[in-house]
Amino acid sequence: MIRLFDYFRSSASYRVRIGLNLKRVEYERVDIPLLEGTQRGADNLARNPQGFVPTLEIDGHQLTQSLAILDYLDARFPEPAFLPADPARRARALAQALLIACDIHPLNNLRVLGYLKDKLGADQDTRDDWYRHWIREGFAALERMAEGSGRYLGGDDPGLADICLVPQMFNARRFRLDLGAFPTLVRIDSALQDLEPFAAAHPDRVQA
């Protein structure tokens, strides 16, 4: 039995759900309610020492960190590939994915927002402005990087960068970021949402 310990609105978990769907891997989803602090409980810490989600139980392993999990899935289930074989195209795809997963997302995750509130006294408007700022800055670069990508960031077929993009676009809309300056990203996101592996991983579908 393959189990994914996740939270419906976690960006990192959302990525892994998309990846599992693209690989057509059946799995059981186990909810870890982040707002209740369940991720810091002994059970979750035993499987994920950082106290995060997601964790994927597969092949006798407990895998953490969404990009590491996606890399495992790509090696374990080669088709469809998440990254191109050509070294230059692979590096470009990784740069796009890492821009989202390493430069935008960590600054806006729950523990950072909690620190802004509890330790620095930032009010809700300030925290929301912080959130939008880092998405806007990252998307400005990604919009330029996406020029000439084709139907998706990954070209004619969705890839790792697309898996990272869709959850971040969900977050941008949730925090009411004006996306008018990012027409290429909006177009690509719309095309990806038409694909069932992406649609089925959406938080609204998971929570339903």
N, C-alpha and C. Protein backbone atom coordinates (compact mmCIF):
# COMPACT_ATOMS: atom_id res chain seq x y z
N MET A 1 0.84 -1.19 0.00
CA MET A 1 0.00 0.00 0.00
C MET A 1 0.88 1.25 0.00
N ILE A 2 0.63 2.14 -0.94
CA ILE A 2 1.34 3.42 -1.00
C ILE A 2 0.49 4.46 -0.28
N ARG A 3 1.10 5.15 0.67
CA ARG A 3 0.37 6.15 1.46
C ARG A 3 1.04 7.51 1.32
N LEU A 4 0.21 8.52 1.15
CA LEU A 4 0.70 9.89 1.12
C LEU A 4 0.13 10.63 2.32
N PHE A 5 1.01 11.06 3.20
CA PHE A 5 0.61 11.87 4.35
C PHE A 5 0.69 13.32 3.91
N ASP A 6 -0.45 13.97 3.83
CA ASP A 6 -0.46 15.31 3.27
C ASP A 6 -1.55 16.17 3.89
N TYR A 7 -1.61 17.41 3.43
CA TYR A 7 -2.65 18.35 3.82
C TYR A 7 -3.18 18.95 2.52
N PHE A 8 -4.49 19.08 2.41
CA PHE A 8 -5.09 19.40 1.11
C PHE A 8 -4.57 20.71 0.52
N ARG A 9 -4.21 21.69 1.37
CA ARG A 9 -3.80 22.99 0.87
C ARG A 9 -2.29 23.17 0.90
N SER A 10 -1.54 22.17 1.29
CA SER A 10 -0.08 22.24 1.28
C SER A 10 0.43 22.23 -0.15
N SER A 11 1.22 23.24 -0.51
CA SER A 11 1.76 23.30 -1.87
C SER A 11 2.64 22.10 -2.18
N ALA A 12 3.48 21.72 -1.22
CA ALA A 12 4.38 20.60 -1.43
C ALA A 12 3.60 19.30 -1.63
N SER A 13 2.54 19.12 -0.83
CA SER A 13 1.70 17.93 -0.99
C SER A 13 0.97 17.95 -2.32
N TYR A 14 0.49 19.11 -2.71
CA TYR A 14 -0.20 19.28 -3.99
C TYR A 14 0.71 18.83 -5.13
N ARG A 15 1.99 19.21 -5.07
CA ARG A 15 2.94 18.78 -6.11
C ARG A 15 3.01 17.26 -6.19
N VAL A 16 3.11 16.61 -5.03
CA VAL A 16 3.26 15.16 -5.04
C VAL A 16 1.98 14.49 -5.54
N ARG A 17 0.83 15.03 -5.18
CA ARG A 17 -0.42 14.46 -5.71
C ARG A 17 -0.45 14.53 -7.24
N ILE A 18 -0.03 15.66 -7.79
CA ILE A 18 0.04 15.78 -9.25
C ILE A 18 0.99 14.73 -9.81
N GLY A 19 2.17 14.62 -9.21
CA GLY A 19 3.16 13.66 -9.69
C GLY A 19 2.65 12.23 -9.67
N LEU A 20 2.02 11.83 -8.58
CA LEU A 20 1.45 10.49 -8.49
C LEU A 20 0.38 10.27 -9.56
N ASN A 21 -0.44 11.29 -9.78
CA ASN A 21 -1.48 11.17 -10.79
C ASN A 21 -0.90 11.04 -12.19
N LEU A 22 0.14 11.85 -12.47
CA LEU A 22 0.76 11.77 -13.80
C LEU A 22 1.38 10.39 -14.04
N LYS A 23 1.93 9.80 -13.00
CA LYS A 23 2.54 8.47 -13.11
C LYS A 23 1.51 7.35 -13.01
N ARG A 24 0.26 7.73 -12.77
CA ARG A 24 -0.84 6.75 -12.62
C ARG A 24 -0.57 5.76 -11.49
N VAL A 25 -0.08 6.30 -10.40
CA VAL A 25 0.21 5.49 -9.21
C VAL A 25 -0.96 5.64 -8.23
N GLU A 26 -1.58 4.54 -7.88
CA GLU A 26 -2.67 4.59 -6.91
C GLU A 26 -2.09 4.67 -5.49
N TYR A 27 -2.76 5.46 -4.67
CA TYR A 27 -2.25 5.66 -3.32
C TYR A 27 -3.40 5.97 -2.37
N GLU A 28 -3.13 5.78 -1.09
CA GLU A 28 -4.07 6.16 -0.04
C GLU A 28 -3.61 7.47 0.57
N ARG A 29 -4.51 8.40 0.69
CA ARG A 29 -4.18 9.71 1.25
C ARG A 29 -4.52 9.73 2.74
N VAL A 30 -3.55 10.18 3.57
CA VAL A 30 -3.74 10.32 5.01
C VAL A 30 -3.61 11.79 5.35
N ASP A 31 -4.67 12.38 5.88
CA ASP A 31 -4.70 13.80 6.14
C ASP A 31 -3.93 14.15 7.42
N ILE A 32 -3.08 15.17 7.32
CA ILE A 32 -2.36 15.72 8.47
C ILE A 32 -2.80 17.18 8.59
N PRO A 33 -3.76 17.49 9.46
CA PRO A 33 -4.30 18.85 9.54
C PRO A 33 -3.28 19.85 10.11
N LEU A 34 -2.69 20.65 9.24
CA LEU A 34 -1.62 21.55 9.67
C LEU A 34 -2.11 22.60 10.64
N LEU A 35 -3.31 23.10 10.44
CA LEU A 35 -3.80 24.18 11.31
C LEU A 35 -4.05 23.70 12.73
N GLU A 36 -4.16 22.38 12.91
CA GLU A 36 -4.33 21.81 14.24
C GLU A 36 -3.00 21.43 14.88
N GLY A 37 -1.90 21.60 14.14
CA GLY A 37 -0.59 21.28 14.67
C GLY A 37 -0.25 19.81 14.66
N THR A 38 -1.04 19.01 13.93
CA THR A 38 -0.82 17.56 13.90
C THR A 38 0.56 17.21 13.36
N GLN A 39 1.10 18.04 12.50
CA GLN A 39 2.40 17.76 11.90
C GLN A 39 3.53 17.73 12.93
N ARG A 40 3.29 18.36 14.09
CA ARG A 40 4.33 18.39 15.13
C ARG A 40 4.15 17.28 16.17
N GLY A 41 3.17 16.42 15.95
CA GLY A 41 2.94 15.30 16.85
C GLY A 41 3.98 14.21 16.67
N ALA A 42 4.05 13.32 17.66
CA ALA A 42 5.08 12.28 17.66
C ALA A 42 4.97 11.37 16.44
N ASP A 43 3.76 11.03 16.05
CA ASP A 43 3.59 10.12 14.91
C ASP A 43 4.16 10.71 13.64
N ASN A 44 3.86 11.99 13.37
CA ASN A 44 4.36 12.59 12.14
C ASN A 44 5.85 12.85 12.21
N LEU A 45 6.35 13.23 13.38
CA LEU A 45 7.79 13.43 13.53
C LEU A 45 8.58 12.14 13.33
N ALA A 46 7.96 11.02 13.66
CA ALA A 46 8.64 9.74 13.47
C ALA A 46 8.84 9.43 11.99
N ARG A 47 7.91 9.88 11.16
CA ARG A 47 8.06 9.61 9.73
C ARG A 47 8.70 10.78 8.98
N ASN A 48 8.59 11.98 9.57
CA ASN A 48 9.13 13.17 8.91
C ASN A 48 9.81 14.03 9.98
N PRO A 49 11.12 13.89 10.16
CA PRO A 49 11.81 14.56 11.27
C PRO A 49 11.65 16.08 11.28
N GLN A 50 11.32 16.69 10.14
CA GLN A 50 11.11 18.13 10.12
C GLN A 50 9.72 18.52 10.64
N GLY A 51 8.85 17.53 10.77
CA GLY A 51 7.49 17.84 11.17
C GLY A 51 6.71 18.51 10.06
N PHE A 52 6.99 18.12 8.82
CA PHE A 52 6.35 18.69 7.65
C PHE A 52 5.44 17.67 6.98
N VAL A 53 4.76 18.10 5.95
CA VAL A 53 4.16 17.24 4.95
C VAL A 53 4.71 17.73 3.60
N PRO A 54 4.76 16.83 2.62
CA PRO A 54 4.26 15.46 2.62
C PRO A 54 5.32 14.45 3.04
N THR A 55 4.83 13.24 3.36
CA THR A 55 5.66 12.05 3.46
C THR A 55 5.01 10.99 2.59
N LEU A 56 5.79 10.32 1.78
CA LEU A 56 5.27 9.24 0.94
C LEU A 56 5.84 7.91 1.43
N GLU A 57 4.96 7.00 1.82
CA GLU A 57 5.36 5.63 2.16
C GLU A 57 5.23 4.78 0.91
N ILE A 58 6.36 4.28 0.43
CA ILE A 58 6.36 3.52 -0.82
C ILE A 58 7.57 2.58 -0.83
N ASP A 59 7.35 1.36 -1.27
CA ASP A 59 8.43 0.38 -1.42
C ASP A 59 9.23 0.21 -0.12
N GLY A 60 8.56 0.33 1.02
CA GLY A 60 9.24 0.17 2.30
C GLY A 60 10.00 1.39 2.76
N HIS A 61 9.87 2.50 2.04
CA HIS A 61 10.57 3.73 2.39
C HIS A 61 9.58 4.78 2.89
N GLN A 62 10.08 5.71 3.68
CA GLN A 62 9.33 6.90 4.05
C GLN A 62 10.10 8.10 3.49
N LEU A 63 9.56 8.66 2.43
CA LEU A 63 10.25 9.71 1.69
C LEU A 63 9.66 11.08 2.04
N THR A 64 10.54 12.06 2.21
CA THR A 64 10.12 13.41 2.53
C THR A 64 10.68 14.39 1.50
N GLN A 65 10.22 15.64 1.59
CA GLN A 65 10.59 16.72 0.67
C GLN A 65 10.03 16.43 -0.73
N SER A 66 9.16 17.32 -1.17
CA SER A 66 8.37 17.05 -2.38
C SER A 66 9.23 16.82 -3.62
N LEU A 67 10.28 17.60 -3.81
CA LEU A 67 11.09 17.41 -5.01
C LEU A 67 11.89 16.11 -4.95
N ALA A 68 12.29 15.70 -3.74
CA ALA A 68 12.97 14.41 -3.60
C ALA A 68 11.99 13.27 -3.90
N ILE A 69 10.75 13.42 -3.45
CA ILE A 69 9.72 12.41 -3.73
C ILE A 69 9.46 12.33 -5.23
N LEU A 70 9.34 13.48 -5.87
CA LEU A 70 9.09 13.49 -7.31
C LEU A 70 10.25 12.88 -8.08
N ASP A 71 11.48 13.11 -7.60
CA ASP A 71 12.65 12.50 -8.23
C ASP A 71 12.59 10.98 -8.09
N TYR A 72 12.18 10.49 -6.92
CA TYR A 72 12.04 9.05 -6.72
C TYR A 72 10.99 8.48 -7.67
N LEU A 73 9.85 9.16 -7.75
CA LEU A 73 8.78 8.68 -8.64
C LEU A 73 9.25 8.64 -10.09
N ASP A 74 10.05 9.63 -10.49
CA ASP A 74 10.52 9.68 -11.87
C ASP A 74 11.48 8.55 -12.17
N ALA A 75 12.27 8.16 -11.16
CA ALA A 75 13.19 7.03 -11.34
C ALA A 75 12.46 5.70 -11.26
N ARG A 76 11.47 5.61 -10.39
CA ARG A 76 10.75 4.36 -10.14
C ARG A 76 9.74 4.07 -11.25
N PHE A 77 9.12 5.12 -11.77
CA PHE A 77 8.11 4.99 -12.83
C PHE A 77 8.51 5.93 -13.97
N PRO A 78 9.33 5.46 -14.91
CA PRO A 78 9.98 6.36 -15.87
C PRO A 78 9.05 7.13 -16.81
N GLU A 79 7.86 6.63 -17.04
CA GLU A 79 6.97 7.30 -17.99
C GLU A 79 5.69 7.77 -17.31
N PRO A 80 5.27 8.99 -17.65
CA PRO A 80 5.95 10.02 -18.43
C PRO A 80 7.05 10.69 -17.62
N ALA A 81 8.11 11.06 -18.28
CA ALA A 81 9.26 11.64 -17.59
C ALA A 81 8.94 13.06 -17.12
N PHE A 82 9.41 13.40 -15.94
CA PHE A 82 9.22 14.74 -15.40
C PHE A 82 10.26 15.72 -15.93
N LEU A 83 11.41 15.21 -16.36
CA LEU A 83 12.50 16.06 -16.83
C LEU A 83 12.99 15.57 -18.18
N PRO A 84 13.37 16.48 -19.08
CA PRO A 84 13.89 16.07 -20.39
C PRO A 84 15.27 15.44 -20.27
N ALA A 85 15.62 14.65 -21.25
CA ALA A 85 16.92 13.98 -21.25
C ALA A 85 18.05 14.92 -21.65
N ASP A 86 17.75 15.87 -22.53
CA ASP A 86 18.77 16.82 -22.98
C ASP A 86 19.30 17.63 -21.80
N PRO A 87 20.61 17.69 -21.60
CA PRO A 87 21.16 18.34 -20.40
C PRO A 87 20.75 19.81 -20.26
N ALA A 88 20.77 20.56 -21.35
CA ALA A 88 20.43 21.98 -21.26
C ALA A 88 18.96 22.19 -20.93
N ARG A 89 18.09 21.41 -21.58
CA ARG A 89 16.66 21.52 -21.31
C ARG A 89 16.35 21.06 -19.89
N ARG A 90 17.07 20.04 -19.44
CA ARG A 90 16.89 19.55 -18.07
C ARG A 90 17.26 20.64 -17.07
N ALA A 91 18.39 21.30 -17.30
CA ALA A 91 18.83 22.37 -16.40
C ALA A 91 17.82 23.51 -16.39
N ARG A 92 17.27 23.83 -17.55
CA ARG A 92 16.28 24.91 -17.61
C ARG A 92 15.03 24.54 -16.83
N ALA A 93 14.57 23.31 -16.99
CA ALA A 93 13.37 22.86 -16.27
C ALA A 93 13.61 22.86 -14.76
N LEU A 94 14.78 22.42 -14.34
CA LEU A 94 15.11 22.41 -12.92
C LEU A 94 15.18 23.84 -12.37
N ALA A 95 15.73 24.76 -13.15
CA ALA A 95 15.81 26.14 -12.70
C ALA A 95 14.42 26.72 -12.46
N GLN A 96 13.49 26.42 -13.36
CA GLN A 96 12.12 26.91 -13.20
C GLN A 96 11.46 26.29 -11.97
N ALA A 97 11.62 24.99 -11.81
CA ALA A 97 11.01 24.30 -10.67
C ALA A 97 11.60 24.80 -9.35
N LEU A 98 12.92 24.97 -9.31
CA LEU A 98 13.57 25.40 -8.08
C LEU A 98 13.25 26.85 -7.74
N LEU A 99 13.04 27.67 -8.75
CA LEU A 99 12.63 29.05 -8.49
C LEU A 99 11.35 29.07 -7.65
N ILE A 100 10.43 28.19 -7.99
CA ILE A 100 9.17 28.13 -7.24
C ILE A 100 9.36 27.44 -5.89
N ALA A 101 9.95 26.25 -5.94
CA ALA A 101 10.00 25.42 -4.74
C ALA A 101 11.01 25.89 -3.70
N CYS A 102 12.04 26.61 -4.14
CA CYS A 102 13.09 27.04 -3.21
C CYS A 102 13.13 28.53 -2.95
N ASP A 103 12.67 29.34 -3.90
CA ASP A 103 12.78 30.79 -3.75
C ASP A 103 11.46 31.45 -3.38
N ILE A 104 10.33 30.93 -3.86
CA ILE A 104 9.03 31.52 -3.52
C ILE A 104 8.41 30.82 -2.32
N HIS A 105 8.20 29.54 -2.44
CA HIS A 105 7.38 28.81 -1.47
C HIS A 105 7.91 28.85 -0.03
N PRO A 106 9.21 28.64 0.23
CA PRO A 106 9.65 28.59 1.63
C PRO A 106 9.40 29.89 2.39
N LEU A 107 9.42 31.02 1.69
CA LEU A 107 9.20 32.30 2.36
C LEU A 107 7.75 32.50 2.77
N ASN A 108 6.87 31.68 2.21
CA ASN A 108 5.43 31.88 2.42
C ASN A 108 4.75 30.69 3.09
N ASN A 109 5.52 29.75 3.62
CA ASN A 109 4.83 28.59 4.20
C ASN A 109 4.30 28.92 5.60
N LEU A 110 3.59 27.98 6.17
CA LEU A 110 2.84 28.24 7.39
C LEU A 110 3.73 28.66 8.55
N ARG A 111 4.89 28.04 8.69
CA ARG A 111 5.73 28.37 9.84
C ARG A 111 6.32 29.78 9.73
N VAL A 112 6.60 30.22 8.50
CA VAL A 112 7.11 31.58 8.30
C VAL A 112 6.01 32.59 8.61
N LEU A 113 4.81 32.34 8.10
CA LEU A 113 3.70 33.25 8.39
C LEU A 113 3.40 33.29 9.89
N GLY A 114 3.52 32.13 10.54
CA GLY A 114 3.32 32.08 11.98
C GLY A 114 4.36 32.88 12.73
N TYR A 115 5.60 32.84 12.27
CA TYR A 115 6.67 33.61 12.91
C TYR A 115 6.42 35.10 12.74
N LEU A 116 6.00 35.50 11.54
CA LEU A 116 5.70 36.91 11.31
C LEU A 116 4.61 37.40 12.27
N LYS A 117 3.63 36.54 12.51
CA LYS A 117 2.52 36.92 13.39
C LYS A 117 2.92 36.87 14.86
N ASP A 118 3.45 35.73 15.29
CA ASP A 118 3.64 35.49 16.73
C ASP A 118 4.90 36.15 17.28
N LYS A 119 5.96 36.20 16.49
CA LYS A 119 7.23 36.73 16.99
C LYS A 119 7.47 38.19 16.58
N LEU A 120 7.00 38.56 15.39
CA LEU A 120 7.28 39.91 14.90
C LEU A 120 6.06 40.82 14.97
N GLY A 121 4.90 40.27 15.35
CA GLY A 121 3.71 41.08 15.53
C GLY A 121 3.10 41.62 14.25
N ALA A 122 3.36 40.99 13.13
CA ALA A 122 2.80 41.45 11.85
C ALA A 122 1.30 41.15 11.79
N ASP A 123 0.51 42.15 11.41
CA ASP A 123 -0.93 41.94 11.31
C ASP A 123 -1.27 41.20 10.01
N GLN A 124 -2.55 40.88 9.81
CA GLN A 124 -2.97 40.08 8.67
C GLN A 124 -2.64 40.77 7.35
N ASP A 125 -2.89 42.07 7.26
CA ASP A 125 -2.61 42.79 6.01
C ASP A 125 -1.12 42.76 5.68
N THR A 126 -0.29 42.91 6.70
CA THR A 126 1.16 42.88 6.48
C THR A 126 1.60 41.50 6.03
N ARG A 127 1.05 40.47 6.65
CA ARG A 127 1.42 39.10 6.25
C ARG A 127 0.95 38.81 4.83
N ASP A 128 -0.23 39.27 4.47
CA ASP A 128 -0.72 39.06 3.11
C ASP A 128 0.14 39.80 2.09
N ASP A 129 0.57 41.03 2.44
CA ASP A 129 1.45 41.78 1.54
C ASP A 129 2.79 41.06 1.37
N TRP A 130 3.32 40.52 2.47
CA TRP A 130 4.56 39.72 2.42
C TRP A 130 4.38 38.55 1.45
N TYR A 131 3.29 37.84 1.59
CA TYR A 131 3.02 36.67 0.77
C TYR A 131 2.99 37.04 -0.71
N ARG A 132 2.23 38.09 -1.02
CA ARG A 132 2.11 38.51 -2.42
C ARG A 132 3.44 39.01 -2.98
N HIS A 133 4.20 39.70 -2.15
CA HIS A 133 5.48 40.25 -2.63
C HIS A 133 6.39 39.16 -3.18
N TRP A 134 6.53 38.07 -2.42
CA TRP A 134 7.49 37.04 -2.84
C TRP A 134 6.98 36.24 -4.04
N ILE A 135 5.67 36.06 -4.15
CA ILE A 135 5.15 35.42 -5.36
C ILE A 135 5.36 36.35 -6.56
N ARG A 136 5.04 37.62 -6.38
CA ARG A 136 5.17 38.58 -7.49
C ARG A 136 6.62 38.64 -7.99
N GLU A 137 7.57 38.69 -7.05
CA GLU A 137 8.97 38.76 -7.44
C GLU A 137 9.40 37.51 -8.20
N GLY A 138 9.01 36.35 -7.70
CA GLY A 138 9.38 35.11 -8.37
C GLY A 138 8.70 34.94 -9.71
N PHE A 139 7.41 35.28 -9.77
CA PHE A 139 6.67 35.15 -11.02
C PHE A 139 7.20 36.09 -12.10
N ALA A 140 7.70 37.26 -11.71
CA ALA A 140 8.25 38.18 -12.70
C ALA A 140 9.42 37.54 -13.43
N ALA A 141 10.27 36.84 -12.69
CA ALA A 141 11.39 36.13 -13.31
C ALA A 141 10.91 34.93 -14.10
N LEU A 142 9.97 34.17 -13.53
CA LEU A 142 9.48 32.96 -14.21
C LEU A 142 8.75 33.31 -15.49
N GLU A 143 8.04 34.42 -15.51
CA GLU A 143 7.35 34.85 -16.74
C GLU A 143 8.37 35.04 -17.87
N ARG A 144 9.50 35.64 -17.56
CA ARG A 144 10.53 35.82 -18.58
C ARG A 144 11.15 34.49 -18.98
N MET A 145 11.35 33.62 -18.01
CA MET A 145 11.93 32.31 -18.30
C MET A 145 10.98 31.44 -19.13
N ALA A 146 9.68 31.71 -19.03
CA ALA A 146 8.67 30.88 -19.70
C ALA A 146 8.49 31.23 -21.17
N GLU A 147 9.07 32.33 -21.62
CA GLU A 147 8.91 32.74 -23.02
C GLU A 147 9.44 31.64 -23.93
N GLY A 148 8.61 31.25 -24.89
CA GLY A 148 9.00 30.22 -25.84
C GLY A 148 8.89 28.81 -25.32
N SER A 149 8.24 28.63 -24.17
CA SER A 149 8.15 27.29 -23.58
C SER A 149 7.24 26.35 -24.36
N GLY A 150 6.25 26.90 -25.04
CA GLY A 150 5.27 26.05 -25.72
C GLY A 150 3.99 25.98 -24.91
N ARG A 151 3.27 24.89 -25.07
CA ARG A 151 1.98 24.74 -24.40
C ARG A 151 2.14 24.78 -22.88
N TYR A 152 3.18 24.11 -22.37
CA TYR A 152 3.45 24.07 -20.94
C TYR A 152 4.87 24.56 -20.69
N LEU A 153 5.21 24.76 -19.42
CA LEU A 153 6.60 25.08 -19.11
C LEU A 153 7.54 23.99 -19.59
N GLY A 154 7.04 22.73 -19.53
CA GLY A 154 7.84 21.60 -19.97
C GLY A 154 7.81 21.35 -21.46
N GLY A 155 7.19 22.24 -22.22
CA GLY A 155 7.08 22.05 -23.67
C GLY A 155 5.72 21.49 -24.04
N ASP A 156 5.73 20.50 -24.91
CA ASP A 156 4.47 19.90 -25.35
C ASP A 156 3.87 18.98 -24.30
N ASP A 157 4.68 18.54 -23.35
CA ASP A 157 4.21 17.67 -22.27
C ASP A 157 4.55 18.32 -20.94
N PRO A 158 3.66 18.21 -19.94
CA PRO A 158 3.96 18.82 -18.64
C PRO A 158 5.13 18.13 -17.96
N GLY A 159 5.89 18.93 -17.21
CA GLY A 159 7.05 18.39 -16.52
C GLY A 159 7.15 18.91 -15.10
N LEU A 160 8.33 18.80 -14.53
CA LEU A 160 8.53 19.14 -13.13
C LEU A 160 8.17 20.59 -12.83
N ALA A 161 8.55 21.51 -13.71
CA ALA A 161 8.24 22.92 -13.48
C ALA A 161 6.73 23.16 -13.46
N ASP A 162 6.00 22.46 -14.32
CA ASP A 162 4.54 22.59 -14.34
C ASP A 162 3.93 22.05 -13.05
N ILE A 163 4.49 20.96 -12.54
CA ILE A 163 4.01 20.38 -11.29
C ILE A 163 4.17 21.39 -10.15
N CYS A 164 5.23 22.19 -10.20
CA CYS A 164 5.45 23.21 -9.18
C CYS A 164 4.60 24.46 -9.43
N LEU A 165 4.37 24.78 -10.69
CA LEU A 165 3.66 26.01 -11.03
C LEU A 165 2.21 26.01 -10.54
N VAL A 166 1.49 24.94 -10.79
CA VAL A 166 0.05 24.93 -10.52
C VAL A 166 -0.28 25.20 -9.04
N PRO A 167 0.38 24.55 -8.09
CA PRO A 167 0.09 24.89 -6.68
C PRO A 167 0.42 26.35 -6.34
N GLN A 168 1.48 26.88 -6.95
CA GLN A 168 1.83 28.27 -6.65
C GLN A 168 0.83 29.25 -7.24
N MET A 169 0.27 28.92 -8.40
CA MET A 169 -0.79 29.74 -8.98
C MET A 169 -2.04 29.69 -8.10
N PHE A 170 -2.33 28.52 -7.55
CA PHE A 170 -3.46 28.40 -6.60
C PHE A 170 -3.25 29.34 -5.41
N ASN A 171 -2.04 29.35 -4.88
CA ASN A 171 -1.73 30.23 -3.75
C ASN A 171 -1.84 31.70 -4.13
N ALA A 172 -1.35 32.03 -5.32
CA ALA A 172 -1.42 33.42 -5.76
C ALA A 172 -2.85 33.92 -5.80
N ARG A 173 -3.74 33.09 -6.32
CA ARG A 173 -5.16 33.49 -6.39
C ARG A 173 -5.78 33.51 -5.00
N ARG A 174 -5.40 32.59 -4.18
CA ARG A 174 -5.95 32.54 -2.82
C ARG A 174 -5.61 33.80 -2.04
N PHE A 175 -4.43 34.35 -2.30
CA PHE A 175 -4.01 35.57 -1.60
C PHE A 175 -4.22 36.83 -2.46
N ARG A 176 -5.05 36.68 -3.49
CA ARG A 176 -5.54 37.81 -4.29
C ARG A 176 -4.41 38.60 -4.95
N LEU A 177 -3.44 37.89 -5.49
CA LEU A 177 -2.39 38.54 -6.27
C LEU A 177 -2.91 38.84 -7.66
N ASP A 178 -2.73 40.06 -8.13
CA ASP A 178 -3.09 40.44 -9.50
C ASP A 178 -2.13 39.74 -10.45
N LEU A 179 -2.66 38.88 -11.29
CA LEU A 179 -1.84 38.09 -12.21
C LEU A 179 -1.74 38.70 -13.60
N GLY A 180 -2.20 39.94 -13.74
CA GLY A 180 -2.21 40.58 -15.05
C GLY A 180 -0.84 40.72 -15.70
N ALA A 181 0.21 40.78 -14.89
CA ALA A 181 1.56 40.93 -15.43
C ALA A 181 2.18 39.61 -15.87
N PHE A 182 1.44 38.51 -15.71
CA PHE A 182 2.01 37.19 -15.98
C PHE A 182 1.14 36.40 -16.96
N PRO A 183 0.90 36.92 -18.16
CA PRO A 183 -0.03 36.25 -19.08
C PRO A 183 0.43 34.87 -19.52
N THR A 184 1.73 34.67 -19.65
CA THR A 184 2.22 33.36 -20.07
C THR A 184 1.96 32.32 -18.99
N LEU A 185 2.22 32.68 -17.75
CA LEU A 185 1.97 31.75 -16.64
C LEU A 185 0.49 31.46 -16.50
N VAL A 186 -0.36 32.47 -16.68
CA VAL A 186 -1.81 32.25 -16.61
C VAL A 186 -2.27 31.32 -17.72
N ARG A 187 -1.73 31.51 -18.91
CA ARG A 187 -2.11 30.65 -20.04
C ARG A 187 -1.69 29.21 -19.79
N ILE A 188 -0.46 29.02 -19.32
CA ILE A 188 0.04 27.66 -19.07
C ILE A 188 -0.75 27.00 -17.95
N ASP A 189 -1.01 27.74 -16.90
CA ASP A 189 -1.78 27.19 -15.78
C ASP A 189 -3.17 26.75 -16.23
N SER A 190 -3.80 27.55 -17.08
CA SER A 190 -5.13 27.20 -17.59
C SER A 190 -5.09 25.91 -18.39
N ALA A 191 -4.07 25.77 -19.22
CA ALA A 191 -3.93 24.53 -20.02
C ALA A 191 -3.69 23.33 -19.11
N LEU A 192 -2.91 23.51 -18.06
CA LEU A 192 -2.63 22.41 -17.14
C LEU A 192 -3.88 22.00 -16.36
N GLN A 193 -4.70 22.97 -16.00
CA GLN A 193 -5.91 22.67 -15.25
C GLN A 193 -6.89 21.81 -16.04
N ASP A 194 -6.74 21.80 -17.37
CA ASP A 194 -7.60 20.96 -18.21
C ASP A 194 -7.17 19.50 -18.20
N LEU A 195 -5.99 19.21 -17.65
CA LEU A 195 -5.49 17.84 -17.59
C LEU A 195 -5.96 17.18 -16.30
N GLU A 196 -6.53 16.00 -16.39
CA GLU A 196 -7.11 15.34 -15.23
C GLU A 196 -6.12 15.09 -14.10
N PRO A 197 -4.85 14.72 -14.37
CA PRO A 197 -3.93 14.52 -13.25
C PRO A 197 -3.74 15.78 -12.41
N PHE A 198 -3.81 16.93 -13.04
CA PHE A 198 -3.69 18.19 -12.31
C PHE A 198 -5.01 18.54 -11.64
N ALA A 199 -6.10 18.40 -12.37
CA ALA A 199 -7.42 18.74 -11.82
C ALA A 199 -7.75 17.88 -10.61
N ALA A 200 -7.42 16.59 -10.67
CA ALA A 200 -7.76 15.68 -9.58
C ALA A 200 -6.96 15.96 -8.32
N ALA A 201 -5.82 16.63 -8.46
CA ALA A 201 -4.98 16.94 -7.30
C ALA A 201 -5.35 18.25 -6.64
N HIS A 202 -6.27 19.01 -7.23
CA HIS A 202 -6.64 20.33 -6.71
C HIS A 202 -7.18 20.22 -5.28
N PRO A 203 -6.83 21.16 -4.42
CA PRO A 203 -7.33 21.09 -3.04
C PRO A 203 -8.84 20.95 -2.91
N ASP A 204 -9.59 21.59 -3.79
CA ASP A 204 -11.05 21.49 -3.73
C ASP A 204 -11.52 20.07 -4.00
N ARG A 205 -10.85 19.38 -4.91
CA ARG A 205 -11.21 17.98 -5.21
C ARG A 205 -10.79 17.05 -4.08
N VAL A 206 -9.64 17.33 -3.48
CA VAL A 206 -9.12 16.47 -2.41
C VAL A 206 -9.97 16.61 -1.16
N GLN A 207 -10.38 17.84 -0.84
CA GLN A 207 -11.13 18.11 0.36
C GLN A 207 -12.56 17.61 0.25
N ALA A 208 -13.10 17.55 -0.97
CA ALA A 208 -14.50 17.18 -1.18
C ALA A 208 -14.78 15.76 -0.68
